[in-house]
N, C-alpha and C. Protein backbone atom coordinates (compact mmCIF):
# COMPACT_ATOMS: atom_id res chain seq x y z
N MET A 1 80.26 86.13 66.57
CA MET A 1 81.38 85.54 67.37
C MET A 1 80.85 84.34 68.16
N GLU A 2 81.54 83.34 68.10
CA GLU A 2 81.15 82.07 68.80
C GLU A 2 81.85 81.99 70.15
N THR A 3 81.08 81.73 71.18
CA THR A 3 81.74 81.49 72.55
C THR A 3 81.67 80.07 72.91
N ASN A 4 82.67 79.57 73.58
CA ASN A 4 82.75 78.19 74.11
C ASN A 4 82.33 78.21 75.57
N THR A 5 81.18 77.69 75.87
CA THR A 5 80.71 77.73 77.23
C THR A 5 80.95 76.34 77.95
N GLU A 6 81.45 75.36 77.21
CA GLU A 6 81.61 74.01 77.80
C GLU A 6 82.94 73.88 78.61
N ASN A 7 83.94 74.68 78.35
CA ASN A 7 85.24 74.58 78.97
C ASN A 7 85.41 75.65 80.14
N LYS A 8 84.38 75.78 80.96
CA LYS A 8 84.49 76.68 82.06
C LYS A 8 85.18 75.97 83.23
N VAL A 9 86.43 76.33 83.48
CA VAL A 9 87.21 75.71 84.60
C VAL A 9 87.75 76.84 85.50
N ALA A 10 87.62 76.61 86.77
CA ALA A 10 88.16 77.68 87.66
C ALA A 10 89.63 77.64 87.60
N GLN A 11 90.22 78.88 87.52
CA GLN A 11 91.63 79.06 87.44
C GLN A 11 92.04 79.81 88.65
N THR A 12 93.21 79.36 89.22
CA THR A 12 93.77 80.12 90.39
C THR A 12 94.94 80.95 89.90
N VAL A 13 95.05 82.11 90.61
CA VAL A 13 96.17 83.00 90.35
C VAL A 13 96.98 83.15 91.61
N ASN A 14 98.31 83.05 91.52
CA ASN A 14 99.18 83.21 92.72
C ASN A 14 100.24 84.30 92.32
N ILE A 15 100.01 85.44 93.09
CA ILE A 15 100.97 86.53 92.84
C ILE A 15 102.12 86.36 93.79
N SER A 16 103.28 86.29 93.24
CA SER A 16 104.49 86.04 94.12
C SER A 16 105.32 87.29 94.47
N ASP A 17 105.15 88.30 93.57
CA ASP A 17 105.97 89.47 93.82
C ASP A 17 105.40 90.71 93.07
N ILE A 18 105.49 91.88 93.65
CA ILE A 18 105.07 93.12 93.02
C ILE A 18 106.21 94.03 92.97
N SER A 19 106.67 94.44 91.77
CA SER A 19 107.76 95.39 91.72
C SER A 19 107.27 96.81 91.56
N MET A 20 107.49 97.53 92.63
CA MET A 20 106.99 98.90 92.68
C MET A 20 108.08 99.77 93.34
N PRO A 21 108.44 100.90 92.77
CA PRO A 21 109.42 101.78 93.39
C PRO A 21 108.96 102.25 94.79
N PHE A 22 109.91 102.52 95.69
CA PHE A 22 109.55 102.80 97.12
C PHE A 22 108.76 104.15 97.13
N TRP A 23 109.26 105.17 96.41
CA TRP A 23 108.57 106.49 96.61
C TRP A 23 107.21 106.51 95.97
N SER A 24 107.07 105.72 94.89
CA SER A 24 105.77 105.49 94.27
C SER A 24 104.76 104.90 95.24
N MET A 25 105.28 103.89 95.99
CA MET A 25 104.46 103.24 96.98
C MET A 25 104.04 104.19 98.14
N VAL A 26 105.03 105.11 98.49
CA VAL A 26 104.76 106.05 99.63
C VAL A 26 103.69 107.01 99.15
N VAL A 27 103.78 107.46 97.89
CA VAL A 27 102.81 108.44 97.38
C VAL A 27 101.46 107.77 97.37
N PHE A 28 101.43 106.47 96.94
CA PHE A 28 100.17 105.79 96.88
C PHE A 28 99.50 105.63 98.24
N MET A 29 100.30 105.29 99.22
CA MET A 29 99.76 105.12 100.58
C MET A 29 99.33 106.44 101.18
N VAL A 30 100.01 107.55 100.88
CA VAL A 30 99.56 108.85 101.39
C VAL A 30 98.18 109.23 100.68
N LYS A 31 98.07 109.01 99.39
CA LYS A 31 96.73 109.28 98.77
C LYS A 31 95.69 108.35 99.30
N TRP A 32 96.03 107.10 99.66
CA TRP A 32 95.07 106.16 100.24
C TRP A 32 94.56 106.67 101.54
N ALA A 33 95.51 107.17 102.40
CA ALA A 33 95.15 107.63 103.71
C ALA A 33 94.29 108.93 103.61
N ILE A 34 94.61 109.83 102.69
CA ILE A 34 93.83 110.99 102.57
C ILE A 34 92.41 110.65 102.04
N ALA A 35 92.29 109.70 101.13
CA ALA A 35 91.00 109.31 100.66
C ALA A 35 90.16 108.57 101.67
N SER A 36 90.80 108.05 102.70
CA SER A 36 89.99 107.32 103.83
C SER A 36 89.36 108.31 104.77
N ILE A 37 89.82 109.50 104.81
CA ILE A 37 89.22 110.60 105.73
C ILE A 37 87.72 110.73 105.55
N PRO A 38 87.25 110.97 104.24
CA PRO A 38 85.77 111.16 104.12
C PRO A 38 85.03 109.88 104.47
N ALA A 39 85.61 108.77 104.25
CA ALA A 39 84.95 107.49 104.55
C ALA A 39 84.77 107.29 106.06
N ILE A 40 85.80 107.73 106.79
CA ILE A 40 85.75 107.63 108.24
C ILE A 40 84.65 108.64 108.80
N LEU A 41 84.65 109.80 108.19
CA LEU A 41 83.62 110.83 108.63
C LEU A 41 82.21 110.34 108.37
N ILE A 42 81.95 109.70 107.16
CA ILE A 42 80.64 109.17 106.85
C ILE A 42 80.28 108.04 107.80
N LEU A 43 81.20 107.14 108.13
CA LEU A 43 80.97 106.08 109.15
C LEU A 43 80.65 106.61 110.48
N MET A 44 81.38 107.64 110.93
CA MET A 44 81.16 108.22 112.25
C MET A 44 79.75 108.84 112.28
N LEU A 45 79.34 109.46 111.23
CA LEU A 45 77.97 110.09 111.13
C LEU A 45 76.91 108.93 111.25
N LEU A 46 77.13 107.87 110.44
CA LEU A 46 76.11 106.78 110.52
C LEU A 46 76.04 106.18 111.89
N PHE A 47 77.16 105.91 112.57
CA PHE A 47 77.23 105.31 113.88
C PHE A 47 76.56 106.27 114.82
N ALA A 48 76.70 107.56 114.72
CA ALA A 48 76.02 108.55 115.63
C ALA A 48 74.59 108.52 115.43
N ILE A 49 74.12 108.42 114.20
CA ILE A 49 72.62 108.45 113.90
C ILE A 49 72.12 107.11 114.48
N PHE A 50 72.68 105.97 114.19
CA PHE A 50 72.10 104.68 114.63
C PHE A 50 72.27 104.55 116.12
N GLY A 51 73.35 105.03 116.71
CA GLY A 51 73.53 105.00 118.13
C GLY A 51 72.46 105.90 118.83
N GLY A 52 72.18 107.00 118.29
CA GLY A 52 71.21 107.81 118.82
C GLY A 52 69.76 107.25 118.74
N LEU A 53 69.45 106.60 117.65
CA LEU A 53 68.19 105.87 117.44
C LEU A 53 68.13 104.77 118.48
N ILE A 54 69.12 103.93 118.60
CA ILE A 54 69.04 102.84 119.53
C ILE A 54 69.04 103.29 121.02
N GLY A 55 69.77 104.35 121.27
CA GLY A 55 69.81 104.93 122.65
C GLY A 55 68.49 105.58 123.04
N SER A 56 67.73 106.00 122.09
CA SER A 56 66.48 106.63 122.42
C SER A 56 65.35 105.67 122.77
N PHE A 57 65.54 104.39 122.46
CA PHE A 57 64.57 103.41 122.77
C PHE A 57 64.67 102.86 124.19
């Protein structure tokens, strides 16, 4: 298969609208919020460790 590497031009994409049912979006946002809980706990643990290390100096 032959590829054309000479015509590499940056293309821009402009999204003007997203059609998504309301309750589907609500479910998505609830799942997003639940999935963020472990990330917040991990960040709190890392900040506590680094804060303890910096505070001990």
